[in-house]
N, C-alpha and C. Protein backbone atom coordinates (compact mmCIF):
# COMPACT_ATOMS: atom_id res chain seq x y z
N MET A 1 -7.90 12.64 8.74
CA MET A 1 -7.55 11.93 7.16
C MET A 1 -7.29 10.57 7.24
N GLU A 2 -8.46 9.75 7.19
CA GLU A 2 -8.00 7.94 7.15
C GLU A 2 -8.55 7.52 5.96
N GLN A 3 -7.45 6.82 5.13
CA GLN A 3 -7.83 6.29 4.22
C GLN A 3 -8.20 5.04 4.31
N SER A 4 -8.93 4.54 3.55
CA SER A 4 -8.91 2.72 3.49
C SER A 4 -8.11 2.14 3.20
N GLU A 5 -7.62 0.92 4.00
CA GLU A 5 -6.40 -0.01 2.97
C GLU A 5 -6.60 -0.37 1.24
N SER A 6 -7.57 -0.61 1.09
CA SER A 6 -8.21 -0.45 -0.51
C SER A 6 -7.79 0.87 -1.12
N ASP A 7 -8.28 2.05 -0.93
CA ASP A 7 -7.62 2.91 -1.30
C ASP A 7 -6.14 3.08 -1.35
N LEU A 8 -5.79 3.09 -0.21
CA LEU A 8 -4.21 2.89 -0.47
C LEU A 8 -3.09 2.62 -1.13
N GLU A 9 -4.04 1.02 -1.37
CA GLU A 9 -3.27 -0.28 -2.51
C GLU A 9 -3.53 0.70 -3.89
N LYS A 10 -4.78 1.04 -4.25
CA LYS A 10 -5.18 1.39 -5.44
C LYS A 10 -3.98 2.81 -5.37
N GLY A 11 -3.97 3.67 -4.65
CA GLY A 11 -2.95 4.35 -4.76
C GLY A 11 -1.52 4.51 -5.20
N PHE A 12 -0.87 2.99 -3.87
CA PHE A 12 0.68 2.59 -4.64
C PHE A 12 0.39 2.11 -5.70
N ALA A 13 -0.77 1.73 -6.52
CA ALA A 13 -0.61 0.69 -7.51
C ALA A 13 -0.86 1.55 -9.01
N SER A 14 -1.57 2.76 -8.22
CA SER A 14 -1.39 3.88 -9.87
C SER A 14 -0.13 4.82 -9.75
N GLU A 15 0.35 4.66 -8.60
CA GLU A 15 1.99 5.79 -8.83
C GLU A 15 2.99 5.13 -9.06
N ASN A 16 2.58 3.44 -8.93
CA ASN A 16 4.23 2.71 -9.30
C ASN A 16 3.62 1.77 -10.54
N MET A 17 2.52 1.78 -11.10
CA MET A 17 2.70 0.71 -11.85
C MET A 17 2.90 1.62 -13.73
N GLY A 18 2.29 2.88 -13.68
CA GLY A 18 2.53 3.40 -14.79
C GLY A 18 1.02 2.92 -15.76
N SER A 19 0.74 3.52 -16.97
CA SER A 19 0.24 3.18 -17.72
C SER A 19 0.67 2.06 -18.61
N SER A 20 0.39 1.32 -19.68
CA SER A 20 0.79 0.31 -20.60
C SER A 20 0.10 0.61 -22.13
N SER A 21 0.97 0.75 -22.65
CA SER A 21 0.64 1.08 -24.06
C SER A 21 -0.38 -0.23 -24.56
N SER A 22 0.01 -1.33 -24.49
CA SER A 22 -0.88 -2.25 -25.31
C SER A 22 -2.41 -2.38 -24.59
N PRO A 23 -3.08 -2.56 -25.41
CA PRO A 23 -4.56 -2.19 -25.10
C PRO A 23 -5.34 -3.05 -23.97
N VAL A 24 -5.48 -4.34 -24.15
CA VAL A 24 -5.70 -5.15 -22.92
C VAL A 24 -5.22 -6.06 -22.70
N SER A 25 -3.95 -6.05 -22.59
CA SER A 25 -2.76 -6.96 -22.28
C SER A 25 -3.12 -6.97 -20.71
N THR A 26 -3.12 -8.78 -19.62
CA THR A 26 -3.26 -9.11 -18.94
C THR A 26 -2.18 -9.45 -18.02
N GLU A 27 -0.65 -9.86 -19.29
CA GLU A 27 0.20 -10.50 -18.60
C GLU A 27 1.00 -8.80 -18.25
N PRO A 28 2.10 -9.07 -17.70
CA PRO A 28 3.09 -8.33 -17.08
C PRO A 28 4.02 -8.68 -18.06
N GLN A 29 4.51 -6.98 -18.50
CA GLN A 29 5.31 -6.77 -19.64
C GLN A 29 6.57 -7.20 -19.14
N THR A 30 7.30 -6.98 -17.97
CA THR A 30 8.61 -6.94 -17.69
C THR A 30 8.58 -7.84 -15.86
N GLN A 31 9.60 -8.32 -15.85
CA GLN A 31 10.09 -9.05 -14.98
C GLN A 31 9.57 -8.13 -13.45
N MET A 32 9.99 -6.96 -13.40
CA MET A 32 9.10 -5.94 -12.45
C MET A 32 7.99 -5.73 -12.54
N ASP A 33 7.27 -5.86 -13.39
CA ASP A 33 5.72 -5.99 -13.35
C ASP A 33 5.44 -7.15 -12.31
N VAL A 34 5.88 -8.38 -12.74
CA VAL A 34 5.89 -9.51 -12.03
C VAL A 34 5.76 -9.07 -10.41
N TYR A 35 6.82 -8.33 -10.08
CA TYR A 35 7.57 -8.09 -8.74
C TYR A 35 6.79 -7.33 -8.51
N LYS A 36 5.87 -6.45 -8.95
CA LYS A 36 5.33 -5.67 -8.43
C LYS A 36 3.49 -5.99 -8.32
N ALA A 37 3.28 -7.06 -8.64
CA ALA A 37 1.92 -7.75 -8.77
C ALA A 37 1.90 -8.57 -7.64
N CYS A 38 3.26 -9.14 -7.75
CA CYS A 38 3.12 -10.16 -6.14
C CYS A 38 3.05 -9.45 -4.97
N ILE A 39 3.66 -8.48 -4.90
CA ILE A 39 4.03 -7.12 -3.43
C ILE A 39 2.40 -7.01 -3.18
N TYR A 40 1.53 -6.22 -4.39
CA TYR A 40 0.49 -5.86 -4.46
C TYR A 40 -1.18 -6.88 -3.75
N ARG A 41 -0.19 -8.23 -4.57
CA ARG A 41 -1.35 -9.21 -4.03
C ARG A 41 -1.24 -10.00 -2.48
N HIS A 42 0.20 -9.10 -2.30
CA HIS A 42 0.24 -10.16 -0.62
C HIS A 42 -0.53 -9.48 0.28
N PRO A 43 -0.99 -10.56 1.06
CA PRO A 43 -2.01 -10.52 2.06
C PRO A 43 -1.59 -9.22 3.19
N LEU A 44 -0.47 -9.12 3.44
CA LEU A 44 0.12 -7.69 4.41
C LEU A 44 0.12 -6.84 3.57
N PHE A 45 -0.44 -6.65 2.17
CA PHE A 45 0.35 -5.03 1.89
C PHE A 45 -0.46 -3.90 2.21
N PRO A 46 -1.80 -4.00 2.40
CA PRO A 46 -2.41 -3.16 2.61
C PRO A 46 -1.84 -2.27 4.55
N LEU A 47 -1.54 -3.27 5.43
CA LEU A 47 -1.06 -2.86 6.08
C LEU A 47 0.46 -2.16 6.19
N LEU A 48 1.35 -2.86 5.40
CA LEU A 48 2.89 -2.31 5.03
C LEU A 48 2.13 -0.63 4.22
N ALA A 49 1.16 -0.68 3.31
CA ALA A 49 0.73 0.49 2.90
C ALA A 49 0.49 1.66 3.99
N LEU A 50 -0.37 1.30 5.18
CA LEU A 50 -0.63 2.21 6.30
C LEU A 50 0.00 2.35 7.28
N LEU A 51 0.89 1.39 7.57
CA LEU A 51 2.02 1.87 8.61
C LEU A 51 3.16 3.12 7.67
N PHE A 52 3.21 3.19 6.15
CA PHE A 52 3.92 3.89 5.80
C PHE A 52 3.74 5.14 5.38
N GLU A 53 1.96 5.45 5.28
CA GLU A 53 1.54 6.63 5.64
C GLU A 53 1.45 7.10 7.16
N LYS A 54 1.43 6.03 8.03
CA LYS A 54 1.84 6.85 9.57
C LYS A 54 2.96 7.10 9.46
N CYS A 55 4.17 6.46 9.09
CA CYS A 55 5.20 7.19 9.04
C CYS A 55 5.73 8.38 8.27
N GLU A 56 4.94 8.36 6.99
CA GLU A 56 5.34 9.84 6.23
C GLU A 56 4.45 10.89 6.95
N GLN A 57 3.05 10.74 7.65
CA GLN A 57 2.74 11.43 8.72
C GLN A 57 3.42 11.93 9.76
N SER A 58 4.43 10.98 10.53
CA SER A 58 4.96 11.32 11.41
C SER A 58 6.35 12.08 11.29
N THR A 59 6.85 12.00 10.16
CA THR A 59 8.03 12.81 9.87
C THR A 59 7.47 14.51 9.11
N GLN A 60 6.56 14.28 8.91
CA GLN A 60 6.08 15.27 8.73
C GLN A 60 5.58 16.44 9.74
N GLY A 61 5.47 16.01 11.12
CA GLY A 61 4.90 16.66 12.06
C GLY A 61 4.26 16.55 12.56
N SER A 62 2.92 15.58 12.11
CA SER A 62 2.20 15.09 12.76
C SER A 62 2.35 14.00 13.76
N THR A 63 1.67 14.56 15.06
CA THR A 63 1.95 13.63 16.44
C THR A 63 1.63 12.37 16.12
N GLN A 64 2.31 10.72 16.09
CA GLN A 64 1.91 9.87 16.07
C GLN A 64 2.63 8.96 17.46
N THR A 65 1.16 8.35 18.07
CA THR A 65 2.53 7.41 19.02
C THR A 65 2.56 5.74 18.59
N SER A 66 3.72 5.34 19.51
CA SER A 66 3.54 3.81 19.11
C SER A 66 2.60 3.51 19.31
N ALA A 67 1.62 3.67 20.10
CA ALA A 67 0.08 2.85 20.47
C ALA A 67 -0.70 3.05 19.71
N SER A 68 -0.70 4.13 18.46
CA SER A 68 -1.18 4.13 17.43
C SER A 68 -0.96 2.67 16.61
N PHE A 69 0.36 3.02 16.29
CA PHE A 69 0.29 1.91 15.53
C PHE A 69 0.15 0.34 16.01
N ASP A 70 0.06 0.38 17.15
CA ASP A 70 -0.06 -1.11 17.91
C ASP A 70 -1.64 -1.02 17.67
N VAL A 71 -2.78 -0.13 17.60
CA VAL A 71 -3.81 0.34 17.72
C VAL A 71 -4.01 -0.28 16.27
N ASP A 72 -3.39 0.14 15.08
CA ASP A 72 -3.85 -0.52 13.81
C ASP A 72 -3.42 -1.66 13.10
N ILE A 73 -2.50 -2.27 13.90
CA ILE A 73 -1.92 -3.23 13.53
C ILE A 73 -2.73 -4.67 14.54
N GLU A 74 -3.23 -4.00 15.42
CA GLU A 74 -4.13 -4.95 16.26
C GLU A 74 -5.56 -5.27 14.93
N ASN A 75 -5.81 -3.89 14.67
CA ASN A 75 -7.36 -3.79 13.95
C ASN A 75 -7.18 -4.71 12.72
N PHE A 76 -5.58 -5.16 11.78
CA PHE A 76 -5.24 -5.80 10.73
C PHE A 76 -5.96 -7.00 11.21
N VAL A 77 -4.95 -7.33 12.03
CA VAL A 77 -5.01 -8.75 12.50
C VAL A 77 -6.45 -9.39 12.74
N ARG A 78 -7.46 -8.58 13.44
CA ARG A 78 -8.43 -8.83 13.59
C ARG A 78 -9.37 -9.27 12.50
N SER A 79 -8.97 -8.30 11.67
CA SER A 79 -9.95 -8.27 10.35
C SER A 79 -9.35 -8.92 9.20
């Protein structure tokens, strides 16, 4: 069950951003929205999301090795 980095980013964004009541507002409503937007735009956010998902899987009993984390980090750095 492998998700692309953009899928993970979209998932985090949709879970955490919520829906806005204003029709077509591109301006963040609160300071918290500004912070969230900065985090989601950060170049390392996809890596953070990927590692977070792997940690979640590990705590739920899936066997993850430290080598698999290293491979994911190396692949991210290469891309």
